[in-house]
Each structure stands twice: as structure tokens, then as C-alpha cells.
Amino acid sequence: EEKEEELSNSEQLRREEKEKLSDSEQLRREEEEELNYNE
């Protein structure tokens, strides 16, 4: 029971990490596009 709880917790964390990662990836892309646009 408890082990499953722990597992879902780390799963949750991993998901949040992924979302953060894709968020920063998104930001980086937008910045690059702006740079390219300004050239």
C-alpha cells in the first residue's frame, strides 16, 4: 500500500519535471525565434 503511494509520488514528480523541462524548452524556442526575427 505505502510503496504504491511512494511510487505514484515519484511518478508525479517525474511528470512535473518533464513539464518544467518542456516549458523551458518552449521558452528557449520562442527566444530563438525572436532572435532570428530580429536579425
N, C-alpha and C. Protein backbone atom coordinates (compact mmCIF):
# COMPACT_ATOMS: atom_id res chain seq x y z
N GLU A 1 0.85 -1.21 0.00
CA GLU A 1 0.00 0.00 0.00
C GLU A 1 0.88 1.26 0.00
N GLU A 2 1.73 1.36 1.00
CA GLU A 2 2.57 2.55 1.11
C GLU A 2 3.54 2.65 -0.07
N LYS A 3 4.05 1.51 -0.46
CA LYS A 3 5.01 1.52 -1.58
C LYS A 3 4.36 2.10 -2.83
N GLU A 4 3.13 1.70 -3.06
CA GLU A 4 2.42 2.23 -4.22
C GLU A 4 2.30 3.74 -4.12
N GLU A 5 2.03 4.19 -2.93
CA GLU A 5 1.91 5.63 -2.69
C GLU A 5 3.21 6.33 -3.08
N GLU A 6 4.31 5.79 -2.60
CA GLU A 6 5.62 6.36 -2.91
C GLU A 6 5.84 6.39 -4.42
N LEU A 7 5.51 5.30 -5.04
CA LEU A 7 5.71 5.19 -6.47
C LEU A 7 4.93 6.29 -7.21
N SER A 8 3.67 6.42 -6.88
CA SER A 8 2.87 7.44 -7.56
C SER A 8 3.42 8.83 -7.27
N ASN A 9 3.99 9.01 -6.08
CA ASN A 9 4.58 10.30 -5.75
C ASN A 9 5.76 10.61 -6.66
N SER A 10 6.66 9.67 -6.81
CA SER A 10 7.82 9.90 -7.66
C SER A 10 7.38 10.02 -9.12
N GLU A 11 6.36 9.26 -9.47
CA GLU A 11 5.81 9.38 -10.82
C GLU A 11 5.30 10.80 -11.05
N GLN A 12 4.60 11.29 -10.07
CA GLN A 12 4.08 12.66 -10.11
C GLN A 12 5.23 13.64 -10.29
N LEU A 13 6.26 13.48 -9.48
CA LEU A 13 7.42 14.36 -9.54
C LEU A 13 8.05 14.32 -10.93
N ARG A 14 8.21 13.13 -11.44
CA ARG A 14 8.83 12.99 -12.75
C ARG A 14 8.02 13.73 -13.80
N ARG A 15 6.70 13.60 -13.69
CA ARG A 15 5.84 14.27 -14.65
C ARG A 15 6.02 15.78 -14.57
N GLU A 16 6.06 16.29 -13.34
CA GLU A 16 6.23 17.73 -13.16
C GLU A 16 7.57 18.18 -13.72
N GLU A 17 8.60 17.38 -13.51
CA GLU A 17 9.92 17.71 -14.05
C GLU A 17 9.83 17.79 -15.57
N LYS A 18 9.18 16.82 -16.17
CA LYS A 18 9.04 16.81 -17.62
C LYS A 18 8.33 18.07 -18.09
N GLU A 19 7.26 18.44 -17.38
CA GLU A 19 6.51 19.63 -17.77
C GLU A 19 7.40 20.86 -17.67
N LYS A 20 8.15 20.97 -16.59
CA LYS A 20 9.06 22.10 -16.43
C LYS A 20 10.04 22.12 -17.59
N LEU A 21 10.55 20.95 -17.90
CA LEU A 21 11.53 20.85 -18.97
C LEU A 21 10.93 21.34 -20.28
N SER A 22 9.76 20.83 -20.62
CA SER A 22 9.14 21.24 -21.87
C SER A 22 8.79 22.73 -21.84
N ASP A 23 8.48 23.24 -20.65
CA ASP A 23 8.21 24.67 -20.53
C ASP A 23 9.44 25.49 -20.88
N SER A 24 10.57 25.14 -20.30
CA SER A 24 11.79 25.89 -20.58
C SER A 24 12.21 25.67 -22.03
N GLU A 25 11.96 24.48 -22.54
CA GLU A 25 12.25 24.21 -23.95
C GLU A 25 11.42 25.15 -24.82
N GLN A 26 10.16 25.27 -24.48
CA GLN A 26 9.26 26.17 -25.19
C GLN A 26 9.79 27.59 -25.15
N LEU A 27 10.17 28.04 -23.98
CA LEU A 27 10.70 29.40 -23.82
C LEU A 27 11.93 29.61 -24.69
N ARG A 28 12.83 28.65 -24.66
CA ARG A 28 14.05 28.76 -25.44
C ARG A 28 13.72 28.90 -26.93
N ARG A 29 12.77 28.11 -27.38
CA ARG A 29 12.38 28.17 -28.79
C ARG A 29 11.87 29.56 -29.14
N GLU A 30 11.00 30.08 -28.28
CA GLU A 30 10.43 31.40 -28.56
C GLU A 30 11.53 32.46 -28.60
N GLU A 31 12.48 32.36 -27.68
CA GLU A 31 13.58 33.32 -27.67
C GLU A 31 14.38 33.22 -28.95
N GLU A 32 14.65 32.01 -29.38
CA GLU A 32 15.41 31.81 -30.62
C GLU A 32 14.66 32.41 -31.79
N GLU A 33 13.36 32.19 -31.83
CA GLU A 33 12.57 32.74 -32.93
C GLU A 33 12.64 34.26 -32.93
N GLU A 34 12.56 34.84 -31.76
CA GLU A 34 12.66 36.30 -31.67
C GLU A 34 14.01 36.77 -32.19
N LEU A 35 15.05 36.07 -31.79
CA LEU A 35 16.40 36.42 -32.25
C LEU A 35 16.46 36.36 -33.78
N ASN A 36 15.98 35.27 -34.32
CA ASN A 36 16.01 35.12 -35.77
C ASN A 36 15.20 36.21 -36.45
N TYR A 37 14.11 36.55 -35.84
CA TYR A 37 13.23 37.56 -36.41
C TYR A 37 13.91 38.93 -36.41
N ASN A 38 14.69 39.18 -35.39
CA ASN A 38 15.32 40.49 -35.26
C ASN A 38 16.53 40.65 -36.17
N GLU A 39 17.09 39.56 -36.64
CA GLU A 39 18.29 39.67 -37.47
C GLU A 39 18.00 40.31 -38.80
